[in-house]
Amino acid sequence: MQLDQIKELYDYNDWASERLWQAVTGLSVDQLNIDMHNGIGTIFTTLIHLVGATRTWRTRWEGSMPTHFLPVEDFSNLESIRTHWQEEERHVQHFLATLQDEDLSREVRFTRPAAPGQVFTLPLWKSMLHLINHQTQHRSEIAMQLTALNHSPGELGMTNFFNG
């Protein structure tokens, strides 16, 4: 995996997320809080989960080992999530700008809440692909709910981004 490929995948991720955000902003508070039965909850809580995962992985890449997720209580409305989301996008883009191809093979050390006390490692490139995959999974769950609510974000596939 080369850095240019990673950067293009993160550009795709930002593009697909922006399409999702355009659809989400048209929802009522009630629609944002319908349980999606995805194990995380609602569109609202899934968006918080996504921004929290981005923050967690980004800080791991930068050498920290965060020990907690972003509390749902810290987000009073959709705009507060969006503000954090945009801030994380900027941090990730800044991080990407600092990398060289050889950095992608360095090991990232991290812990997981499900396995307290254990330290895991992954090459940076694998952890960066994991975050893209994680975002795609939950973005798809939200897109299904949006479509059921007649607010489809449209086609989010990579070919639309690559050919757009």
N, C-alpha and C. Protein backbone atom coordinates (compact mmCIF):
# COMPACT_ATOMS: atom_id res chain seq x y z
N MET A 1 0.86 -1.17 0.00
CA MET A 1 0.00 0.00 0.00
C MET A 1 0.90 1.23 0.00
N GLN A 2 0.57 2.18 -0.84
CA GLN A 2 1.34 3.40 -0.93
C GLN A 2 0.55 4.57 -0.36
N LEU A 3 1.27 5.57 0.06
CA LEU A 3 0.65 6.74 0.69
C LEU A 3 -0.38 7.40 -0.22
N ASP A 4 -0.08 7.52 -1.50
CA ASP A 4 -1.04 8.13 -2.43
C ASP A 4 -2.36 7.37 -2.44
N GLN A 5 -2.31 6.06 -2.33
CA GLN A 5 -3.53 5.26 -2.29
C GLN A 5 -4.30 5.49 -0.99
N ILE A 6 -3.58 5.55 0.11
CA ILE A 6 -4.23 5.84 1.41
C ILE A 6 -4.91 7.20 1.35
N LYS A 7 -4.21 8.20 0.84
CA LYS A 7 -4.77 9.55 0.75
C LYS A 7 -6.02 9.56 -0.12
N GLU A 8 -6.01 8.82 -1.22
CA GLU A 8 -7.18 8.78 -2.09
C GLU A 8 -8.36 8.11 -1.37
N LEU A 9 -8.09 7.08 -0.60
CA LEU A 9 -9.16 6.44 0.17
C LEU A 9 -9.74 7.39 1.21
N TYR A 10 -8.90 8.21 1.83
CA TYR A 10 -9.40 9.18 2.80
C TYR A 10 -10.17 10.31 2.10
N ASP A 11 -9.78 10.66 0.89
CA ASP A 11 -10.57 11.62 0.11
C ASP A 11 -11.94 11.03 -0.20
N TYR A 12 -11.97 9.74 -0.59
CA TYR A 12 -13.25 9.07 -0.82
C TYR A 12 -14.09 9.07 0.46
N ASN A 13 -13.47 8.73 1.58
CA ASN A 13 -14.18 8.69 2.86
C ASN A 13 -14.83 10.03 3.17
N ASP A 14 -14.08 11.12 2.96
CA ASP A 14 -14.63 12.46 3.21
C ASP A 14 -15.77 12.77 2.25
N TRP A 15 -15.63 12.38 0.99
CA TRP A 15 -16.68 12.60 -0.01
C TRP A 15 -17.96 11.85 0.37
N ALA A 16 -17.83 10.58 0.71
CA ALA A 16 -19.01 9.78 1.06
C ALA A 16 -19.66 10.30 2.35
N SER A 17 -18.84 10.69 3.30
CA SER A 17 -19.37 11.22 4.56
C SER A 17 -20.11 12.53 4.33
N GLU A 18 -19.59 13.36 3.45
CA GLU A 18 -20.27 14.63 3.15
C GLU A 18 -21.65 14.38 2.53
N ARG A 19 -21.74 13.40 1.65
CA ARG A 19 -23.05 13.04 1.07
C ARG A 19 -24.01 12.57 2.17
N LEU A 20 -23.48 11.81 3.11
CA LEU A 20 -24.30 11.34 4.22
C LEU A 20 -24.77 12.53 5.06
N TRP A 21 -23.87 13.44 5.37
CA TRP A 21 -24.22 14.62 6.17
C TRP A 21 -25.28 15.46 5.47
N GLN A 22 -25.22 15.59 4.17
CA GLN A 22 -26.23 16.36 3.44
C GLN A 22 -27.61 15.76 3.64
N ALA A 23 -27.69 14.44 3.67
CA ALA A 23 -28.99 13.78 3.88
C ALA A 23 -29.43 13.84 5.33
N VAL A 24 -28.51 13.70 6.24
CA VAL A 24 -28.84 13.69 7.67
C VAL A 24 -29.38 15.03 8.14
N THR A 25 -28.86 16.12 7.60
CA THR A 25 -29.28 17.44 8.08
C THR A 25 -30.75 17.72 7.79
N GLY A 26 -31.38 16.94 6.92
CA GLY A 26 -32.79 17.13 6.63
C GLY A 26 -33.72 16.38 7.57
N LEU A 27 -33.17 15.69 8.55
CA LEU A 27 -33.99 14.87 9.46
C LEU A 27 -34.48 15.66 10.66
N SER A 28 -35.61 15.23 11.18
CA SER A 28 -36.12 15.79 12.44
C SER A 28 -35.38 15.13 13.60
N VAL A 29 -35.53 15.70 14.79
CA VAL A 29 -34.93 15.13 15.99
C VAL A 29 -35.47 13.72 16.22
N ASP A 30 -36.77 13.53 15.99
CA ASP A 30 -37.36 12.20 16.17
C ASP A 30 -36.74 11.19 15.21
N GLN A 31 -36.54 11.58 13.95
CA GLN A 31 -35.95 10.68 12.97
C GLN A 31 -34.49 10.36 13.32
N LEU A 32 -33.76 11.33 13.83
CA LEU A 32 -32.37 11.10 14.24
C LEU A 32 -32.27 10.11 15.38
N ASN A 33 -33.34 9.96 16.13
CA ASN A 33 -33.31 9.13 17.35
C ASN A 33 -34.11 7.85 17.25
N ILE A 34 -34.42 7.39 16.03
CA ILE A 34 -35.05 6.08 15.84
C ILE A 34 -33.97 5.01 15.97
N ASP A 35 -34.22 3.99 16.77
CA ASP A 35 -33.25 2.91 16.93
C ASP A 35 -33.07 2.17 15.60
N MET A 36 -31.83 2.05 15.16
CA MET A 36 -31.53 1.38 13.90
C MET A 36 -31.28 -0.12 14.10
N HIS A 37 -31.24 -0.58 15.34
CA HIS A 37 -30.98 -1.99 15.65
C HIS A 37 -29.66 -2.46 15.05
N ASN A 38 -28.65 -1.61 15.15
CA ASN A 38 -27.33 -1.94 14.63
C ASN A 38 -26.32 -2.18 15.75
N GLY A 39 -26.79 -2.23 16.98
CA GLY A 39 -25.90 -2.44 18.10
C GLY A 39 -25.35 -1.15 18.69
N ILE A 40 -25.52 -0.05 17.99
CA ILE A 40 -25.04 1.24 18.47
C ILE A 40 -26.22 2.13 18.82
N GLY A 41 -27.30 1.98 18.09
CA GLY A 41 -28.50 2.75 18.42
C GLY A 41 -29.08 3.50 17.26
N THR A 42 -29.05 4.80 17.37
CA THR A 42 -29.74 5.69 16.44
C THR A 42 -28.75 6.29 15.43
N ILE A 43 -29.27 7.02 14.48
CA ILE A 43 -28.39 7.78 13.59
C ILE A 43 -27.53 8.73 14.43
N PHE A 44 -28.14 9.39 15.37
CA PHE A 44 -27.44 10.35 16.22
C PHE A 44 -26.27 9.69 16.95
N THR A 45 -26.53 8.57 17.62
CA THR A 45 -25.45 7.91 18.38
C THR A 45 -24.43 7.25 17.46
N THR A 46 -24.85 6.80 16.30
CA THR A 46 -23.90 6.21 15.35
C THR A 46 -22.96 7.27 14.79
N LEU A 47 -23.45 8.47 14.55
CA LEU A 47 -22.58 9.57 14.12
C LEU A 47 -21.55 9.90 15.20
N ILE A 48 -21.97 9.89 16.46
CA ILE A 48 -21.04 10.12 17.56
C ILE A 48 -20.00 9.01 17.60
N HIS A 49 -20.45 7.78 17.41
CA HIS A 49 -19.53 6.64 17.38
C HIS A 49 -18.49 6.81 16.27
N LEU A 50 -18.93 7.26 15.10
CA LEU A 50 -18.01 7.44 13.98
C LEU A 50 -16.97 8.53 14.26
N VAL A 51 -17.41 9.65 14.77
CA VAL A 51 -16.44 10.72 15.06
C VAL A 51 -15.51 10.29 16.19
N GLY A 52 -16.03 9.55 17.14
CA GLY A 52 -15.20 9.06 18.23
C GLY A 52 -14.16 8.06 17.76
N ALA A 53 -14.54 7.18 16.84
CA ALA A 53 -13.59 6.20 16.29
C ALA A 53 -12.49 6.91 15.51
N THR A 54 -12.85 7.94 14.76
CA THR A 54 -11.84 8.70 14.03
C THR A 54 -10.86 9.34 15.00
N ARG A 55 -11.39 9.94 16.04
CA ARG A 55 -10.53 10.57 17.05
C ARG A 55 -9.63 9.53 17.71
N THR A 56 -10.19 8.40 18.07
CA THR A 56 -9.43 7.35 18.74
C THR A 56 -8.27 6.86 17.87
N TRP A 57 -8.57 6.53 16.61
CA TRP A 57 -7.50 6.02 15.74
C TRP A 57 -6.48 7.11 15.40
N ARG A 58 -6.95 8.31 15.16
CA ARG A 58 -6.00 9.38 14.83
C ARG A 58 -5.02 9.60 15.98
N THR A 59 -5.54 9.63 17.20
CA THR A 59 -4.64 9.86 18.33
C THR A 59 -3.71 8.66 18.55
N ARG A 60 -4.17 7.46 18.24
CA ARG A 60 -3.28 6.30 18.29
C ARG A 60 -2.14 6.46 17.28
N TRP A 61 -2.49 6.88 16.07
CA TRP A 61 -1.47 7.08 15.04
C TRP A 61 -0.44 8.11 15.47
N GLU A 62 -0.89 9.07 16.26
CA GLU A 62 0.00 10.13 16.74
C GLU A 62 0.76 9.73 17.99
N GLY A 63 0.55 8.51 18.49
CA GLY A 63 1.33 8.00 19.61
C GLY A 63 0.63 7.92 20.94
N SER A 64 -0.62 8.35 21.03
CA SER A 64 -1.36 8.27 22.30
C SER A 64 -2.10 6.94 22.40
N MET A 65 -2.54 6.64 23.59
CA MET A 65 -3.38 5.46 23.81
C MET A 65 -4.63 5.90 24.56
N PRO A 66 -5.63 6.41 23.81
CA PRO A 66 -6.85 6.86 24.50
C PRO A 66 -7.51 5.71 25.26
N THR A 67 -8.10 6.06 26.38
CA THR A 67 -8.69 5.03 27.25
C THR A 67 -10.20 5.09 27.30
N HIS A 68 -10.80 6.08 26.64
CA HIS A 68 -12.26 6.17 26.68
C HIS A 68 -12.79 6.75 25.36
N PHE A 69 -14.05 6.47 25.12
CA PHE A 69 -14.72 7.00 23.93
C PHE A 69 -15.34 8.35 24.25
N LEU A 70 -15.74 9.06 23.22
CA LEU A 70 -16.43 10.33 23.43
C LEU A 70 -17.80 10.04 24.05
N PRO A 71 -18.13 10.68 25.17
CA PRO A 71 -19.44 10.46 25.80
C PRO A 71 -20.58 11.07 24.97
N VAL A 72 -21.63 10.31 24.80
CA VAL A 72 -22.81 10.78 24.07
C VAL A 72 -23.33 12.08 24.68
N GLU A 73 -23.22 12.20 25.99
CA GLU A 73 -23.74 13.37 26.69
C GLU A 73 -23.03 14.67 26.27
N ASP A 74 -21.85 14.55 25.68
CA ASP A 74 -21.11 15.73 25.24
C ASP A 74 -21.69 16.36 23.97
N PHE A 75 -22.69 15.70 23.38
CA PHE A 75 -23.26 16.16 22.11
C PHE A 75 -24.74 16.45 22.29
N SER A 76 -25.07 17.73 22.28
CA SER A 76 -26.45 18.12 22.54
C SER A 76 -27.31 18.14 21.28
N ASN A 77 -26.67 18.25 20.12
CA ASN A 77 -27.44 18.33 18.88
C ASN A 77 -26.55 17.91 17.71
N LEU A 78 -27.16 17.85 16.53
CA LEU A 78 -26.45 17.43 15.33
C LEU A 78 -25.30 18.36 15.00
N GLU A 79 -25.49 19.65 15.22
CA GLU A 79 -24.44 20.62 14.91
C GLU A 79 -23.18 20.37 15.75
N SER A 80 -23.36 19.95 17.00
CA SER A 80 -22.19 19.68 17.85
C SER A 80 -21.41 18.47 17.34
N ILE A 81 -22.11 17.48 16.82
CA ILE A 81 -21.43 16.33 16.22
C ILE A 81 -20.69 16.78 14.96
N ARG A 82 -21.37 17.54 14.14
CA ARG A 82 -20.78 18.01 12.88
C ARG A 82 -19.52 18.84 13.12
N THR A 83 -19.54 19.68 14.14
CA THR A 83 -18.36 20.48 14.48
C THR A 83 -17.18 19.58 14.83
N HIS A 84 -17.40 18.58 15.68
CA HIS A 84 -16.33 17.64 16.03
C HIS A 84 -15.88 16.85 14.80
N TRP A 85 -16.83 16.46 13.98
CA TRP A 85 -16.53 15.69 12.76
C TRP A 85 -15.58 16.48 11.86
N GLN A 86 -15.92 17.73 11.60
CA GLN A 86 -15.10 18.57 10.73
C GLN A 86 -13.71 18.80 11.34
N GLU A 87 -13.66 18.95 12.64
CA GLU A 87 -12.38 19.11 13.32
C GLU A 87 -11.52 17.86 13.15
N GLU A 88 -12.12 16.69 13.30
CA GLU A 88 -11.38 15.44 13.12
C GLU A 88 -10.93 15.27 11.66
N GLU A 89 -11.78 15.64 10.72
CA GLU A 89 -11.37 15.58 9.30
C GLU A 89 -10.12 16.43 9.08
N ARG A 90 -10.09 17.62 9.65
CA ARG A 90 -8.91 18.49 9.52
C ARG A 90 -7.68 17.85 10.15
N HIS A 91 -7.85 17.27 11.34
CA HIS A 91 -6.72 16.61 12.02
C HIS A 91 -6.19 15.45 11.18
N VAL A 92 -7.09 14.65 10.63
CA VAL A 92 -6.66 13.51 9.81
C VAL A 92 -5.94 14.00 8.56
N GLN A 93 -6.49 15.02 7.90
CA GLN A 93 -5.82 15.55 6.70
C GLN A 93 -4.44 16.11 7.04
N HIS A 94 -4.33 16.76 8.18
CA HIS A 94 -3.02 17.27 8.63
C HIS A 94 -2.06 16.10 8.88
N PHE A 95 -2.56 15.07 9.55
CA PHE A 95 -1.73 13.88 9.80
C PHE A 95 -1.26 13.26 8.49
N LEU A 96 -2.17 13.10 7.55
CA LEU A 96 -1.82 12.53 6.24
C LEU A 96 -0.73 13.35 5.55
N ALA A 97 -0.80 14.66 5.69
CA ALA A 97 0.18 15.54 5.05
C ALA A 97 1.57 15.38 5.64
N THR A 98 1.68 14.84 6.84
CA THR A 98 2.99 14.67 7.48
C THR A 98 3.66 13.34 7.13
N LEU A 99 2.92 12.43 6.49
CA LEU A 99 3.43 11.08 6.27
C LEU A 99 4.28 10.96 5.01
N GLN A 100 5.18 9.97 5.07
CA GLN A 100 5.95 9.51 3.92
C GLN A 100 5.59 8.03 3.71
N ASP A 101 5.84 7.51 2.52
CA ASP A 101 5.51 6.10 2.25
C ASP A 101 6.05 5.16 3.31
N GLU A 102 7.29 5.37 3.75
CA GLU A 102 7.92 4.45 4.71
C GLU A 102 7.22 4.48 6.08
N ASP A 103 6.50 5.55 6.39
CA ASP A 103 5.78 5.62 7.67
C ASP A 103 4.66 4.58 7.75
N LEU A 104 4.14 4.17 6.61
CA LEU A 104 2.99 3.27 6.61
C LEU A 104 3.29 1.91 7.22
N SER A 105 4.56 1.53 7.26
CA SER A 105 4.91 0.22 7.82
C SER A 105 5.18 0.26 9.32
N ARG A 106 5.25 1.45 9.91
CA ARG A 106 5.54 1.51 11.35
C ARG A 106 4.37 0.93 12.15
N GLU A 107 4.71 0.36 13.29
CA GLU A 107 3.72 -0.28 14.14
C GLU A 107 2.99 0.75 15.01
N VAL A 108 1.69 0.59 15.10
CA VAL A 108 0.85 1.41 15.97
C VAL A 108 0.44 0.53 17.15
N ARG A 109 0.72 1.00 18.35
CA ARG A 109 0.35 0.28 19.57
C ARG A 109 -0.97 0.86 20.09
N PHE A 110 -1.85 -0.04 20.54
CA PHE A 110 -3.14 0.43 21.04
C PHE A 110 -3.74 -0.58 22.00
N THR A 111 -4.67 -0.10 22.79
CA THR A 111 -5.46 -0.95 23.66
C THR A 111 -6.91 -0.90 23.19
N ARG A 112 -7.69 -1.87 23.63
CA ARG A 112 -9.12 -1.89 23.29
C ARG A 112 -9.92 -2.03 24.58
N PRO A 113 -11.04 -1.30 24.65
CA PRO A 113 -11.86 -1.40 25.87
C PRO A 113 -12.32 -2.82 26.17
N ALA A 114 -12.51 -3.63 25.14
CA ALA A 114 -12.98 -5.00 25.35
C ALA A 114 -11.89 -5.92 25.91
N ALA A 115 -10.64 -5.46 25.88
CA ALA A 115 -9.52 -6.27 26.37
C ALA A 115 -8.60 -5.41 27.22
N PRO A 116 -9.07 -4.95 28.39
CA PRO A 116 -8.26 -4.05 29.22
C PRO A 116 -6.92 -4.69 29.58
N GLY A 117 -5.89 -3.85 29.52
CA GLY A 117 -4.56 -4.30 29.89
C GLY A 117 -3.76 -4.93 28.77
N GLN A 118 -4.42 -5.34 27.70
CA GLN A 118 -3.71 -5.92 26.57
C GLN A 118 -3.32 -4.82 25.59
N VAL A 119 -2.12 -4.94 25.05
CA VAL A 119 -1.64 -4.01 24.04
C VAL A 119 -1.55 -4.75 22.72
N PHE A 120 -2.11 -4.15 21.70
CA PHE A 120 -2.12 -4.72 20.36
C PHE A 120 -1.26 -3.86 19.45
N THR A 121 -0.83 -4.43 18.34
CA THR A 121 -0.09 -3.65 17.34
C THR A 121 -0.61 -3.98 15.95
N LEU A 122 -0.56 -2.99 15.10
CA LEU A 122 -0.87 -3.12 13.67
C LEU A 122 0.04 -2.16 12.91
N PRO A 123 0.42 -2.53 11.71
CA PRO A 123 1.10 -1.53 10.88
C PRO A 123 0.16 -0.35 10.64
N LEU A 124 0.73 0.83 10.55
CA LEU A 124 -0.08 2.04 10.35
C LEU A 124 -1.04 1.87 9.18
N TRP A 125 -0.58 1.35 8.06
CA TRP A 125 -1.45 1.24 6.88
C TRP A 125 -2.66 0.37 7.14
N LYS A 126 -2.50 -0.71 7.91
CA LYS A 126 -3.64 -1.58 8.21
C LYS A 126 -4.64 -0.88 9.13
N SER A 127 -4.13 -0.14 10.09
CA SER A 127 -5.05 0.57 10.99
C SER A 127 -5.79 1.67 10.24
N MET A 128 -5.12 2.29 9.27
CA MET A 128 -5.78 3.34 8.48
C MET A 128 -6.86 2.75 7.57
N LEU A 129 -6.59 1.56 7.01
CA LEU A 129 -7.62 0.88 6.21
C LEU A 129 -8.77 0.42 7.09
N HIS A 130 -8.44 -0.02 8.31
CA HIS A 130 -9.50 -0.43 9.23
C HIS A 130 -10.48 0.71 9.48
N LEU A 131 -9.96 1.91 9.70
CA LEU A 131 -10.85 3.04 9.97
C LEU A 131 -11.75 3.32 8.77
N ILE A 132 -11.21 3.26 7.57
CA ILE A 132 -12.03 3.46 6.36
C ILE A 132 -13.14 2.40 6.31
N ASN A 133 -12.78 1.14 6.57
CA ASN A 133 -13.75 0.06 6.54
C ASN A 133 -14.82 0.26 7.61
N HIS A 134 -14.40 0.65 8.79
CA HIS A 134 -15.33 0.91 9.90
C HIS A 134 -16.30 2.02 9.52
N GLN A 135 -15.79 3.10 8.94
CA GLN A 135 -16.64 4.21 8.51
C GLN A 135 -17.65 3.73 7.46
N THR A 136 -17.18 2.92 6.52
CA THR A 136 -18.07 2.42 5.46
C THR A 136 -19.20 1.58 6.03
N GLN A 137 -18.87 0.72 6.99
CA GLN A 137 -19.90 -0.12 7.61
C GLN A 137 -21.00 0.73 8.22
N HIS A 138 -20.62 1.67 9.07
CA HIS A 138 -21.63 2.45 9.78
C HIS A 138 -22.30 3.50 8.88
N ARG A 139 -21.57 4.00 7.91
CA ARG A 139 -22.19 4.90 6.94
C ARG A 139 -23.28 4.15 6.17
N SER A 140 -23.03 2.89 5.85
CA SER A 140 -24.03 2.07 5.15
C SER A 140 -25.26 1.83 6.02
N GLU A 141 -25.05 1.59 7.31
CA GLU A 141 -26.18 1.41 8.22
C GLU A 141 -27.03 2.68 8.27
N ILE A 142 -26.36 3.82 8.37
CA ILE A 142 -27.10 5.09 8.40
C ILE A 142 -27.80 5.31 7.05
N ALA A 143 -27.12 5.01 5.96
CA ALA A 143 -27.73 5.20 4.63
C ALA A 143 -28.99 4.35 4.47
N MET A 144 -28.98 3.15 4.99
CA MET A 144 -30.19 2.31 4.93
C MET A 144 -31.33 2.96 5.69
N GLN A 145 -31.04 3.47 6.88
CA GLN A 145 -32.08 4.13 7.67
C GLN A 145 -32.56 5.40 6.98
N LEU A 146 -31.63 6.16 6.42
CA LEU A 146 -32.02 7.37 5.69
C LEU A 146 -32.93 7.03 4.51
N THR A 147 -32.61 5.98 3.80
CA THR A 147 -33.43 5.57 2.66
C THR A 147 -34.82 5.17 3.12
N ALA A 148 -34.89 4.45 4.24
CA ALA A 148 -36.19 4.06 4.80
C ALA A 148 -37.02 5.29 5.19
N LEU A 149 -36.33 6.38 5.51
CA LEU A 149 -37.00 7.63 5.90
C LEU A 149 -37.18 8.58 4.71
N ASN A 150 -36.96 8.08 3.50
CA ASN A 150 -37.06 8.88 2.27
C ASN A 150 -36.06 10.04 2.22
N HIS A 151 -34.86 9.82 2.75
CA HIS A 151 -33.79 10.81 2.73
C HIS A 151 -32.48 10.17 2.25
N SER A 152 -32.56 9.33 1.24
CA SER A 152 -31.39 8.60 0.77
C SER A 152 -30.22 9.55 0.46
N PRO A 153 -29.01 9.17 0.85
CA PRO A 153 -27.84 9.98 0.50
C PRO A 153 -27.39 9.75 -0.94
N GLY A 154 -28.06 8.86 -1.63
CA GLY A 154 -27.65 8.54 -3.00
C GLY A 154 -26.55 7.50 -3.00
N GLU A 155 -25.99 7.29 -4.16
CA GLU A 155 -24.95 6.28 -4.34
C GLU A 155 -23.67 6.73 -3.64
N LEU A 156 -23.15 5.85 -2.76
CA LEU A 156 -21.95 6.17 -2.01
C LEU A 156 -20.74 5.32 -2.44
N GLY A 157 -20.91 4.56 -3.52
CA GLY A 157 -19.85 3.66 -3.97
C GLY A 157 -18.61 4.39 -4.46
N MET A 158 -17.49 3.72 -4.35
CA MET A 158 -16.22 4.29 -4.74
C MET A 158 -16.16 4.66 -6.22
N THR A 159 -16.81 3.88 -7.07
CA THR A 159 -16.74 4.21 -8.50
C THR A 159 -17.34 5.56 -8.79
N ASN A 160 -18.37 5.93 -8.05
CA ASN A 160 -18.95 7.27 -8.24
C ASN A 160 -17.96 8.36 -7.85
N PHE A 161 -17.20 8.11 -6.81
CA PHE A 161 -16.16 9.06 -6.39
C PHE A 161 -15.03 9.09 -7.42
N PHE A 162 -14.54 7.91 -7.81
CA PHE A 162 -13.42 7.86 -8.73
C PHE A 162 -13.75 8.45 -10.10
N ASN A 163 -15.00 8.28 -10.53
CA ASN A 163 -15.42 8.77 -11.85
C ASN A 163 -16.09 10.12 -11.81
N GLY A 164 -16.24 10.69 -10.61
CA GLY A 164 -16.98 11.92 -10.45
C GLY A 164 -16.19 13.11 -10.85
